[in-house]
PDB file of all heavy atoms in Angstrom:
ATOM      1  N   LEU A   1       5.954   7.434  -2.613  1.00  0.00           N
ATOM      2  CA  LEU A   1       4.881   7.161  -3.541  1.00  0.00           C
ATOM      3  C   LEU A   1       3.565   6.809  -2.812  1.00  0.00           C
ATOM      4  O   LEU A   1       2.522   7.301  -3.125  1.00  0.00           O
ATOM      5  CB  LEU A   1       5.260   6.033  -4.521  1.00  0.00           C
ATOM      6  CG  LEU A   1       4.183   5.629  -5.507  1.00  0.00           C
ATOM      7  CD1 LEU A   1       3.817   6.766  -6.464  1.00  0.00           C
ATOM      8  CD2 LEU A   1       4.704   4.392  -6.317  1.00  0.00           C
ATOM      9  N   VAL A   2       3.662   5.981  -1.779  1.00  0.00           N
ATOM     10  CA  VAL A   2       2.512   5.515  -1.000  1.00  0.00           C
ATOM     11  C   VAL A   2       1.881   6.734  -0.273  1.00  0.00           C
ATOM     12  O   VAL A   2       0.637   6.873  -0.236  1.00  0.00           O
ATOM     13  CB  VAL A   2       2.930   4.457  -0.009  1.00  0.00           C
ATOM     14  CG1 VAL A   2       1.800   4.187   0.992  1.00  0.00           C
ATOM     15  CG2 VAL A   2       3.283   3.166  -0.707  1.00  0.00           C
ATOM     16  N   ARG A   3       2.715   7.641   0.263  1.00  0.00           N
ATOM     17  CA  ARG A   3       2.158   8.840   0.845  1.00  0.00           C
ATOM     18  C   ARG A   3       1.367   9.657  -0.167  1.00  0.00           C
ATOM     19  O   ARG A   3       0.226  10.128   0.133  1.00  0.00           O
ATOM     20  CB  ARG A   3       3.327   9.715   1.416  1.00  0.00           C
ATOM     21  CG  ARG A   3       3.949   9.235   2.707  1.00  0.00           C
ATOM     22  CD  ARG A   3       5.004  10.255   3.093  1.00  0.00           C
ATOM     23  NE  ARG A   3       5.867   9.824   4.211  1.00  0.00           N
ATOM     24  CZ  ARG A   3       5.561  10.064   5.464  1.00  0.00           C
ATOM     25  NH1 ARG A   3       4.408  10.726   5.760  1.00  0.00           N
ATOM     26  NH2 ARG A   3       6.365   9.690   6.462  1.00  0.00           N
ATOM     27  N   LEU A   4       1.916   9.812  -1.302  1.00  0.00           N
ATOM     28  CA  LEU A   4       1.245  10.625  -2.340  1.00  0.00           C
ATOM     29  C   LEU A   4      -0.143   9.981  -2.670  1.00  0.00           C
ATOM     30  O   LEU A   4      -1.127  10.672  -2.755  1.00  0.00           O
ATOM     31  CB  LEU A   4       2.140  10.702  -3.575  1.00  0.00           C
ATOM     32  CG  LEU A   4       1.686  11.604  -4.772  1.00  0.00           C
ATOM     33  CD1 LEU A   4       2.887  12.029  -5.536  1.00  0.00           C
ATOM     34  CD2 LEU A   4       0.694  10.913  -5.679  1.00  0.00           C
ATOM     35  N   LEU A   5      -0.110   8.683  -2.918  1.00  0.00           N
ATOM     36  CA  LEU A   5      -1.372   7.981  -3.262  1.00  0.00           C
ATOM     37  C   LEU A   5      -2.362   8.035  -2.192  1.00  0.00           C
ATOM     38  O   LEU A   5      -3.611   8.161  -2.473  1.00  0.00           O
ATOM     39  CB  LEU A   5      -1.024   6.582  -3.761  1.00  0.00           C
ATOM     40  CG  LEU A   5      -0.121   6.407  -4.956  1.00  0.00           C
ATOM     41  CD1 LEU A   5       0.259   4.951  -5.131  1.00  0.00           C
ATOM     42  CD2 LEU A   5      -0.714   7.014  -6.168  1.00  0.00           C
ATOM     43  N   GLY A   6      -1.937   7.876  -0.944  1.00  0.00           N
ATOM     44  CA  GLY A   6      -2.840   7.864   0.193  1.00  0.00           C
ATOM     45  C   GLY A   6      -3.446   9.258   0.384  1.00  0.00           C
ATOM     46  O   GLY A   6      -4.602   9.312   0.838  1.00  0.00           O
ATOM     47  N   GLU A   7      -2.707  10.289   0.134  1.00  0.00           N
ATOM     48  CA  GLU A   7      -3.246  11.627   0.283  1.00  0.00           C
ATOM     49  C   GLU A   7      -4.330  11.885  -0.794  1.00  0.00           C
ATOM     50  O   GLU A   7      -5.292  12.660  -0.555  1.00  0.00           O
ATOM     51  CB  GLU A   7      -2.162  12.713   0.129  1.00  0.00           C
ATOM     52  CG  GLU A   7      -1.121  12.724   1.245  1.00  0.00           C
ATOM     53  CD  GLU A   7      -1.735  13.299   2.539  1.00  0.00           C
ATOM     54  OE1 GLU A   7      -2.798  14.015   2.422  1.00  0.00           O
ATOM     55  OE2 GLU A   7      -1.207  13.096   3.604  1.00  0.00           O
ATOM     56  N   TRP A   8      -4.183  11.240  -1.946  1.00  0.00           N
ATOM     57  CA  TRP A   8      -5.155  11.467  -3.053  1.00  0.00           C
ATOM     58  C   TRP A   8      -6.438  10.674  -2.810  1.00  0.00           C
ATOM     59  O   TRP A   8      -7.454  11.173  -2.409  1.00  0.00           O
ATOM     60  CB  TRP A   8      -4.503  11.166  -4.408  1.00  0.00           C
ATOM     61  CG  TRP A   8      -5.386  11.507  -5.533  1.00  0.00           C
ATOM     62  CD1 TRP A   8      -5.660  12.714  -6.000  1.00  0.00           C
ATOM     63  CD2 TRP A   8      -6.072  10.561  -6.394  1.00  0.00           C
ATOM     64  NE1 TRP A   8      -6.481  12.649  -7.126  1.00  0.00           N
ATOM     65  CE2 TRP A   8      -6.723  11.331  -7.332  1.00  0.00           C
ATOM     66  CE3 TRP A   8      -6.153   9.190  -6.444  1.00  0.00           C
ATOM     67  CZ2 TRP A   8      -7.566  10.689  -8.307  1.00  0.00           C
ATOM     68  CZ3 TRP A   8      -6.917   8.570  -7.349  1.00  0.00           C
ATOM     69  CH2 TRP A   8      -7.605   9.328  -8.325  1.00  0.00           C
ATOM     70  N   GLY A   9      -6.451   9.397  -3.164  1.00  0.00           N
ATOM     71  CA  GLY A   9      -7.486   8.465  -2.864  1.00  0.00           C
ATOM     72  C   GLY A   9      -8.880   8.708  -3.364  1.00  0.00           C
ATOM     73  O   GLY A   9      -9.820   8.494  -2.639  1.00  0.00           O
ATOM     74  N   ARG A  10      -9.055   9.203  -4.586  1.00  0.00           N
ATOM     75  CA  ARG A  10     -10.371   9.525  -5.119  1.00  0.00           C
ATOM     76  C   ARG A  10     -11.044   8.340  -5.807  1.00  0.00           C
ATOM     77  O   ARG A  10     -12.285   8.289  -5.827  1.00  0.00           O
ATOM     78  CB  ARG A  10     -10.266  10.726  -6.049  1.00  0.00           C
ATOM     79  CG  ARG A  10      -9.862  12.000  -5.337  1.00  0.00           C
ATOM     80  CD  ARG A  10     -10.041  13.192  -6.226  1.00  0.00           C
ATOM     81  NE  ARG A  10      -9.614  14.432  -5.507  1.00  0.00           N
ATOM     82  CZ  ARG A  10      -9.719  15.625  -6.012  1.00  0.00           C
ATOM     83  NH1 ARG A  10     -10.143  15.833  -7.225  1.00  0.00           N
ATOM     84  NH2 ARG A  10      -9.320  16.688  -5.269  1.00  0.00           N
ATOM     85  N   ILE A  11     -10.328   7.496  -6.424  1.00  0.00           N
ATOM     86  CA  ILE A  11     -10.849   6.219  -6.974  1.00  0.00           C
ATOM     87  C   ILE A  11      -9.979   5.132  -6.441  1.00  0.00           C
ATOM     88  O   ILE A  11      -8.854   5.388  -5.984  1.00  0.00           O
ATOM     89  CB  ILE A  11     -10.902   6.252  -8.547  1.00  0.00           C
ATOM     90  CG1 ILE A  11      -9.483   6.282  -9.170  1.00  0.00           C
ATOM     91  CG2 ILE A  11     -11.792   7.385  -9.051  1.00  0.00           C
ATOM     92  CD1 ILE A  11      -9.492   6.151 -10.688  1.00  0.00           C
ATOM     93  N   PRO A  12     -10.465   3.871  -6.585  1.00  0.00           N
ATOM     94  CA  PRO A  12      -9.599   2.750  -6.104  1.00  0.00           C
ATOM     95  C   PRO A  12      -8.205   2.750  -6.739  1.00  0.00           C
ATOM     96  O   PRO A  12      -8.089   2.889  -7.951  1.00  0.00           O
ATOM     97  CB  PRO A  12     -10.444   1.559  -6.468  1.00  0.00           C
ATOM     98  CG  PRO A  12     -11.798   2.035  -6.511  1.00  0.00           C
ATOM     99  CD  PRO A  12     -11.761   3.402  -7.083  1.00  0.00           C
ATOM    100  N   VAL A  13      -7.205   2.547  -5.905  1.00  0.00           N
ATOM    101  CA  VAL A  13      -5.822   2.402  -6.352  1.00  0.00           C
ATOM    102  C   VAL A  13      -5.229   1.150  -5.776  1.00  0.00           C
ATOM    103  O   VAL A  13      -5.289   0.926  -4.550  1.00  0.00           O
ATOM    104  CB  VAL A  13      -4.946   3.592  -5.895  1.00  0.00           C
ATOM    105  CG1 VAL A  13      -3.438   3.397  -6.283  1.00  0.00           C
ATOM    106  CG2 VAL A  13      -5.489   4.910  -6.471  1.00  0.00           C
ATOM    107  N   THR A  14      -4.633   0.313  -6.630  1.00  0.00           N
ATOM    108  CA  THR A  14      -3.983  -0.886  -6.137  1.00  0.00           C
ATOM    109  C   THR A  14      -2.469  -0.597  -6.231  1.00  0.00           C
ATOM    110  O   THR A  14      -1.943  -0.326  -7.258  1.00  0.00           O
ATOM    111  CB  THR A  14      -4.355  -2.088  -6.994  1.00  0.00           C
ATOM    112  OG1 THR A  14      -5.733  -2.402  -6.782  1.00  0.00           O
ATOM    113  CG2 THR A  14      -3.551  -3.346  -6.575  1.00  0.00           C
ATOM    114  N   TYR A  15      -1.796  -0.787  -5.095  1.00  0.00           N
ATOM    115  CA  TYR A  15      -0.347  -0.530  -5.013  1.00  0.00           C
ATOM    116  C   TYR A  15       0.360  -1.923  -4.973  1.00  0.00           C
ATOM    117  O   TYR A  15      -0.083  -2.859  -4.283  1.00  0.00           O
ATOM    118  CB  TYR A  15       0.047   0.195  -3.767  1.00  0.00           C
ATOM    119  CG  TYR A  15       1.527   0.230  -3.545  1.00  0.00           C
ATOM    120  CD1 TYR A  15       2.370   1.135  -4.072  1.00  0.00           C
ATOM    121  CD2 TYR A  15       2.074  -0.764  -2.695  1.00  0.00           C
ATOM    122  CE1 TYR A  15       3.715   1.162  -3.876  1.00  0.00           C
ATOM    123  CE2 TYR A  15       3.480  -0.751  -2.435  1.00  0.00           C
ATOM    124  CZ  TYR A  15       4.294   0.144  -3.050  1.00  0.00           C
ATOM    125  OH  TYR A  15       5.619   0.193  -2.857  1.00  0.00           O
ATOM    126  N   ALA A  16       1.449  -2.040  -5.694  1.00  0.00           N
ATOM    127  CA  ALA A  16       2.291  -3.199  -5.662  1.00  0.00           C
ATOM    128  C   ALA A  16       3.722  -2.818  -5.656  1.00  0.00           C
ATOM    129  O   ALA A  16       4.106  -1.842  -6.311  1.00  0.00           O
ATOM    130  CB  ALA A  16       2.014  -4.093  -6.938  1.00  0.00           C
ATOM    131  N   GLY A  17       4.542  -3.546  -4.888  1.00  0.00           N
ATOM    132  CA  GLY A  17       5.964  -3.313  -4.921  1.00  0.00           C
ATOM    133  C   GLY A  17       6.619  -3.231  -3.570  1.00  0.00           C
ATOM    134  O   GLY A  17       6.361  -2.369  -2.755  1.00  0.00           O
ATOM    135  N   GLY A  18       7.518  -4.204  -3.303  1.00  0.00           N
ATOM    136  CA  GLY A  18       8.368  -4.167  -2.136  1.00  0.00           C
ATOM    137  C   GLY A  18       7.841  -4.779  -0.863  1.00  0.00           C
ATOM    138  O   GLY A  18       8.599  -4.892   0.140  1.00  0.00           O
ATOM    139  N   ILE A  19       6.599  -5.247  -0.819  1.00  0.00           N
ATOM    140  CA  ILE A  19       6.097  -5.809   0.441  1.00  0.00           C
ATOM    141  C   ILE A  19       6.694  -7.174   0.656  1.00  0.00           C
ATOM    142  O   ILE A  19       6.575  -8.071  -0.157  1.00  0.00           O
ATOM    143  CB  ILE A  19       4.551  -5.872   0.380  1.00  0.00           C
ATOM    144  CG1 ILE A  19       4.010  -4.480   0.419  1.00  0.00           C
ATOM    145  CG2 ILE A  19       4.056  -6.704   1.565  1.00  0.00           C
ATOM    146  CD1 ILE A  19       2.469  -4.377   0.364  1.00  0.00           C
ATOM    147  N   GLY A  20       7.410  -7.323   1.793  1.00  0.00           N
ATOM    148  CA  GLY A  20       8.066  -8.601   2.127  1.00  0.00           C
ATOM    149  C   GLY A  20       7.743  -9.158   3.457  1.00  0.00           C
ATOM    150  O   GLY A  20       8.220 -10.183   3.872  1.00  0.00           O
ATOM    151  N   SER A  21       6.904  -8.401   4.198  1.00  0.00           N
ATOM    152  CA  SER A  21       6.602  -8.771   5.589  1.00  0.00           C
ATOM    153  C   SER A  21       5.290  -8.131   6.025  1.00  0.00           C
ATOM    154  O   SER A  21       4.788  -7.234   5.410  1.00  0.00           O
ATOM    155  CB  SER A  21       7.689  -8.366   6.570  1.00  0.00           C
ATOM    156  OG  SER A  21       7.771  -6.979   6.645  1.00  0.00           O
ATOM    157  N   PHE A  22       4.773  -8.604   7.166  1.00  0.00           N
ATOM    158  CA  PHE A  22       3.576  -7.981   7.766  1.00  0.00           C
ATOM    159  C   PHE A  22       3.892  -6.584   8.254  1.00  0.00           C
ATOM    160  O   PHE A  22       2.979  -5.695   8.253  1.00  0.00           O
ATOM    161  CB  PHE A  22       2.999  -8.850   8.835  1.00  0.00           C
ATOM    162  CG  PHE A  22       2.271 -10.059   8.301  1.00  0.00           C
ATOM    163  CD1 PHE A  22       2.928 -11.262   8.171  1.00  0.00           C
ATOM    164  CD2 PHE A  22       0.947  -9.961   7.915  1.00  0.00           C
ATOM    165  CE1 PHE A  22       2.301 -12.382   7.683  1.00  0.00           C
ATOM    166  CE2 PHE A  22       0.295 -11.058   7.346  1.00  0.00           C
ATOM    167  CZ  PHE A  22       0.968 -12.250   7.238  1.00  0.00           C
ATOM    168  N   ALA A  23       5.137  -6.280   8.593  1.00  0.00           N
ATOM    169  CA  ALA A  23       5.513  -4.924   8.955  1.00  0.00           C
ATOM    170  C   ALA A  23       5.343  -3.986   7.754  1.00  0.00           C
ATOM    171  O   ALA A  23       4.968  -2.881   7.914  1.00  0.00           O
ATOM    172  CB  ALA A  23       6.935  -4.914   9.499  1.00  0.00           C
ATOM    173  N   ASP A  24       5.757  -4.492   6.583  1.00  0.00           N
ATOM    174  CA  ASP A  24       5.603  -3.711   5.374  1.00  0.00           C
ATOM    175  C   ASP A  24       4.154  -3.468   5.110  1.00  0.00           C
ATOM    176  O   ASP A  24       3.755  -2.368   4.631  1.00  0.00           O
ATOM    177  CB  ASP A  24       6.250  -4.394   4.188  1.00  0.00           C
ATOM    178  CG  ASP A  24       7.741  -4.441   4.289  1.00  0.00           C
ATOM    179  OD1 ASP A  24       8.390  -3.618   4.933  1.00  0.00           O
ATOM    180  OD2 ASP A  24       8.327  -5.405   3.680  1.00  0.00           O
ATOM    181  N   LEU A  25       3.352  -4.404   5.366  1.00  0.00           N
ATOM    182  CA  LEU A  25       1.922  -4.291   5.122  1.00  0.00           C
ATOM    183  C   LEU A  25       1.303  -3.236   6.057  1.00  0.00           C
ATOM    184  O   LEU A  25       0.496  -2.394   5.626  1.00  0.00           O
ATOM    185  CB  LEU A  25       1.217  -5.682   5.371  1.00  0.00           C
ATOM    186  CG  LEU A  25      -0.183  -5.835   4.793  1.00  0.00           C
ATOM    187  CD1 LEU A  25      -0.235  -5.685   3.324  1.00  0.00           C
ATOM    188  CD2 LEU A  25      -0.701  -7.269   5.165  1.00  0.00           C
ATOM    189  N   LYS A  26       1.754  -3.205   7.272  1.00  0.00           N
ATOM    190  CA  LYS A  26       1.250  -2.199   8.245  1.00  0.00           C
ATOM    191  C   LYS A  26       1.763  -0.782   7.843  1.00  0.00           C
ATOM    192  O   LYS A  26       1.035   0.252   7.999  1.00  0.00           O
ATOM    193  CB  LYS A  26       1.754  -2.527   9.667  1.00  0.00           C
ATOM    194  CG  LYS A  26       1.000  -3.728  10.269  1.00  0.00           C
ATOM    195  CD  LYS A  26       1.341  -3.865  11.717  1.00  0.00           C
ATOM    196  CE  LYS A  26       0.537  -5.030  12.349  1.00  0.00           C
ATOM    197  NZ  LYS A  26      -0.928  -4.696  12.350  1.00  0.00           N
ATOM    198  N   ALA A  27       3.020  -0.726   7.309  1.00  0.00           N
ATOM    199  CA  ALA A  27       3.537   0.528   6.811  1.00  0.00           C
ATOM    200  C   ALA A  27       2.703   1.069   5.659  1.00  0.00           C
ATOM    201  O   ALA A  27       2.399   2.259   5.557  1.00  0.00           O
ATOM    202  CB  ALA A  27       4.983   0.400   6.384  1.00  0.00           C
ATOM    203  N   LEU A  28       2.293   0.173   4.780  1.00  0.00           N
ATOM    204  CA  LEU A  28       1.465   0.578   3.652  1.00  0.00           C
ATOM    205  C   LEU A  28       0.104   1.107   4.147  1.00  0.00           C
ATOM    206  O   LEU A  28      -0.407   2.136   3.654  1.00  0.00           O
ATOM    207  CB  LEU A  28       1.231  -0.609   2.702  1.00  0.00           C
ATOM    208  CG  LEU A  28       0.331  -0.359   1.500  1.00  0.00           C
ATOM    209  CD1 LEU A  28       0.990   0.626   0.544  1.00  0.00           C
ATOM    210  CD2 LEU A  28       0.009  -1.643   0.777  1.00  0.00           C
ATOM    211  N   GLN A  29      -0.433   0.394   5.137  1.00  0.00           N
ATOM    212  CA  GLN A  29      -1.719   0.856   5.653  1.00  0.00           C
ATOM    213  C   GLN A  29      -1.557   2.255   6.360  1.00  0.00           C
ATOM    214  O   GLN A  29      -2.399   3.135   6.111  1.00  0.00           O
ATOM    215  CB  GLN A  29      -2.207  -0.121   6.712  1.00  0.00           C
ATOM    216  CG  GLN A  29      -3.528   0.277   7.407  1.00  0.00           C
ATOM    217  CD  GLN A  29      -3.830  -0.610   8.592  1.00  0.00           C
ATOM    218  OE1 GLN A  29      -3.007  -1.359   9.128  1.00  0.00           O
ATOM    219  NE2 GLN A  29      -5.089  -0.543   9.006  1.00  0.00           N
ATOM    220  N   MET A  30      -0.500   2.492   7.057  1.00  0.00           N
ATOM    221  CA  MET A  30      -0.273   3.743   7.725  1.00  0.00           C
ATOM    222  C   MET A  30      -0.013   4.888   6.774  1.00  0.00           C
ATOM    223  O   MET A  30      -0.717   5.894   6.796  1.00  0.00           O
ATOM    224  CB  MET A  30       0.926   3.599   8.747  1.00  0.00           C
ATOM    225  CG  MET A  30       1.180   4.889   9.502  1.00  0.00           C
ATOM    226  SD  MET A  30       2.505   4.740  10.685  1.00  0.00           S
ATOM    227  CE  MET A  30       3.898   4.441   9.617  1.00  0.00           C
ATOM    228  N   TYR A  31       1.012   4.740   5.898  1.00  0.00           N
ATOM    229  CA  TYR A  31       1.382   5.773   5.009  1.00  0.00           C
ATOM    230  C   TYR A  31       0.310   6.018   3.877  1.00  0.00           C
ATOM    231  O   TYR A  31       0.127   7.102   3.408  1.00  0.00           O
ATOM    232  CB  TYR A  31       2.721   5.526   4.324  1.00  0.00           C
ATOM    233  CG  TYR A  31       3.853   5.595   5.355  1.00  0.00           C
ATOM    234  CD1 TYR A  31       4.647   4.454   5.622  1.00  0.00           C
ATOM    235  CD2 TYR A  31       4.184   6.780   5.982  1.00  0.00           C
ATOM    236  CE1 TYR A  31       5.666   4.476   6.550  1.00  0.00           C
ATOM    237  CE2 TYR A  31       5.238   6.871   6.894  1.00  0.00           C
ATOM    238  CZ  TYR A  31       5.955   5.744   7.171  1.00  0.00           C
ATOM    239  OH  TYR A  31       7.009   5.770   8.103  1.00  0.00           O
ATOM    240  N   GLY A  32      -0.385   4.959   3.571  1.00  0.00           N
ATOM    241  CA  GLY A  32      -1.452   5.046   2.555  1.00  0.00           C
ATOM    242  C   GLY A  32      -2.814   5.401   3.134  1.00  0.00           C
ATOM    243  O   GLY A  32      -3.801   5.414   2.416  1.00  0.00           O
ATOM    244  N   LYS A  33      -2.858   5.629   4.485  1.00  0.00           N
ATOM    245  CA  LYS A  33      -4.079   6.014   5.147  1.00  0.00           C
ATOM    246  C   LYS A  33      -5.220   5.010   4.947  1.00  0.00           C
ATOM    247  O   LYS A  33      -6.375   5.361   4.943  1.00  0.00           O
ATOM    248  CB  LYS A  33      -4.504   7.426   4.780  1.00  0.00           C
ATOM    249  CG  LYS A  33      -3.493   8.495   5.078  1.00  0.00           C
ATOM    250  CD  LYS A  33      -4.056   9.904   4.844  1.00  0.00           C
ATOM    251  CE  LYS A  33      -3.038  10.916   5.354  1.00  0.00           C
ATOM    252  NZ  LYS A  33      -3.508  12.324   5.184  1.00  0.00           N
ATOM    253  N   ASN A  34      -4.835   3.767   4.811  1.00  0.00           N
ATOM    254  CA  ASN A  34      -5.776   2.637   4.679  1.00  0.00           C
ATOM    255  C   ASN A  34      -6.672   2.813   3.462  1.00  0.00           C
ATOM    256  O   ASN A  34      -7.711   2.231   3.368  1.00  0.00           O
ATOM    257  CB  ASN A  34      -6.623   2.468   5.925  1.00  0.00           C
ATOM    258  CG  ASN A  34      -7.050   1.077   6.145  1.00  0.00           C
ATOM    259  OD1 ASN A  34      -6.414   0.117   5.689  1.00  0.00           O
ATOM    260  ND2 ASN A  34      -8.189   0.883   6.807  1.00  0.00           N
ATOM    261  N   LYS A  35      -6.199   3.604   2.447  1.00  0.00           N
ATOM    262  CA  LYS A  35      -7.010   3.866   1.260  1.00  0.00           C
ATOM    263  C   LYS A  35      -6.617   2.981   0.071  1.00  0.00           C
ATOM    264  O   LYS A  35      -7.374   2.810  -0.878  1.00  0.00           O
ATOM    265  CB  LYS A  35      -6.886   5.304   0.865  1.00  0.00           C
ATOM    266  CG  LYS A  35      -7.508   6.312   1.776  1.00  0.00           C
ATOM    267  CD  LYS A  35      -7.283   7.698   1.277  1.00  0.00           C
ATOM    268  CE  LYS A  35      -7.849   8.731   2.278  1.00  0.00           C
ATOM    269  NZ  LYS A  35      -7.635  10.118   1.775  1.00  0.00           N
ATOM    270  N   LEU A  36      -5.377   2.392   0.176  1.00  0.00           N
ATOM    271  CA  LEU A  36      -4.852   1.732  -1.014  1.00  0.00           C
ATOM    272  C   LEU A  36      -5.143   0.198  -0.918  1.00  0.00           C
ATOM    273  O   LEU A  36      -4.994  -0.401   0.124  1.00  0.00           O
ATOM    274  CB  LEU A  36      -3.370   1.919  -1.147  1.00  0.00           C
ATOM    275  CG  LEU A  36      -2.872   3.384  -1.152  1.00  0.00           C
ATOM    276  CD1 LEU A  36      -1.365   3.429  -1.246  1.00  0.00           C
ATOM    277  CD2 LEU A  36      -3.554   4.191  -2.185  1.00  0.00           C
ATOM    278  N   ASN A  37      -5.466  -0.367  -2.034  1.00  0.00           N
ATOM    279  CA  ASN A  37      -5.506  -1.832  -2.153  1.00  0.00           C
ATOM    280  C   ASN A  37      -4.071  -2.359  -2.404  1.00  0.00           C
ATOM    281  O   ASN A  37      -3.239  -1.580  -2.775  1.00  0.00           O
ATOM    282  CB  ASN A  37      -6.440  -2.305  -3.226  1.00  0.00           C
ATOM    283  CG  ASN A  37      -7.881  -1.824  -2.972  1.00  0.00           C
ATOM    284  OD1 ASN A  37      -8.337  -1.890  -1.811  1.00  0.00           O
ATOM    285  ND2 ASN A  37      -8.573  -1.436  -4.003  1.00  0.00           N
ATOM    286  N   VAL A  38      -3.882  -3.638  -2.128  1.00  0.00           N
ATOM    287  CA  VAL A  38      -2.517  -4.095  -2.145  1.00  0.00           C
ATOM    288  C   VAL A  38      -2.337  -5.407  -2.864  1.00  0.00           C
ATOM    289  O   VAL A  38      -3.174  -6.299  -2.743  1.00  0.00           O
ATOM    290  CB  VAL A  38      -1.950  -4.211  -0.702  1.00  0.00           C
ATOM    291  CG1 VAL A  38      -2.821  -5.212   0.117  1.00  0.00           C
ATOM    292  CG2 VAL A  38      -0.489  -4.691  -0.706  1.00  0.00           C
ATOM    293  N   THR A  39      -1.312  -5.495  -3.660  1.00  0.00           N
ATOM    294  CA  THR A  39      -0.846  -6.716  -4.268  1.00  0.00           C
ATOM    295  C   THR A  39       0.456  -7.185  -3.598  1.00  0.00           C
ATOM    296  O   THR A  39       1.322  -6.388  -3.351  1.00  0.00           O
ATOM    297  CB  THR A  39      -0.593  -6.551  -5.750  1.00  0.00           C
ATOM    298  OG1 THR A  39      -1.867  -6.291  -6.403  1.00  0.00           O
ATOM    299  CG2 THR A  39       0.035  -7.767  -6.372  1.00  0.00           C
ATOM    300  N   ILE A  40       0.506  -8.500  -3.278  1.00  0.00           N
ATOM    301  CA  ILE A  40       1.718  -9.050  -2.777  1.00  0.00           C
ATOM    302  C   ILE A  40       2.116 -10.219  -3.662  1.00  0.00           C
ATOM    303  O   ILE A  40       1.348 -11.098  -3.909  1.00  0.00           O
ATOM    304  CB  ILE A  40       1.545  -9.631  -1.290  1.00  0.00           C
ATOM    305  CG1 ILE A  40       1.071  -8.456  -0.434  1.00  0.00           C
ATOM    306  CG2 ILE A  40       2.802 -10.207  -0.774  1.00  0.00           C
ATOM    307  CD1 ILE A  40       0.641  -8.965   1.025  1.00  0.00           C
ATOM    308  N   GLY A  41       3.352 -10.149  -4.186  1.00  0.00           N
ATOM    309  CA  GLY A  41       3.773 -11.156  -5.146  1.00  0.00           C
ATOM    310  C   GLY A  41       4.772 -12.186  -4.553  1.00  0.00           C
ATOM    311  O   GLY A  41       4.432 -13.124  -3.876  1.00  0.00           O
ATOM    312  N   SER A  42       6.039 -11.863  -4.743  1.00  0.00           N
ATOM    313  CA  SER A  42       7.098 -12.825  -4.320  1.00  0.00           C
ATOM    314  C   SER A  42       7.092 -13.157  -2.857  1.00  0.00           C
ATOM    315  O   SER A  42       7.619 -14.249  -2.497  1.00  0.00           O
ATOM    316  CB  SER A  42       8.450 -12.275  -4.761  1.00  0.00           C
ATOM    317  OG  SER A  42       8.558 -12.059  -6.150  1.00  0.00           O
ATOM    318  N   ALA A  43       6.642 -12.287  -2.014  1.00  0.00           N
ATOM    319  CA  ALA A  43       6.644 -12.545  -0.569  1.00  0.00           C
ATOM    320  C   ALA A  43       5.554 -13.510  -0.122  1.00  0.00           C
ATOM    321  O   ALA A  43       5.633 -13.989   1.045  1.00  0.00           O
ATOM    322  CB  ALA A  43       6.534 -11.232   0.190  1.00  0.00           C
ATOM    323  N   LEU A  44       4.558 -13.793  -0.960  1.00  0.00           N
ATOM    324  CA  LEU A  44       3.438 -14.615  -0.562  1.00  0.00           C
ATOM    325  C   LEU A  44       3.852 -16.098  -0.656  1.00  0.00           C
ATOM    326  O   LEU A  44       4.617 -16.514  -1.541  1.00  0.00           O
ATOM    327  CB  LEU A  44       2.291 -14.373  -1.558  1.00  0.00           C
ATOM    328  CG  LEU A  44       0.867 -14.600  -1.051  1.00  0.00           C
ATOM    329  CD1 LEU A  44       0.576 -13.634   0.122  1.00  0.00           C
ATOM    330  CD2 LEU A  44      -0.125 -14.373  -2.183  1.00  0.00           C
TER     331      LEU A  44
END
């Protein structure tokens, strides 16, 4: 899903779901091409 959203990126998109570590945050940045905003819930 993150790959798909990162390839698109025409208006702001906030992604939420599954982030539990800083490694996950870096994965989101990489696969989302640094285009996605991020919500972190239970891991915060």
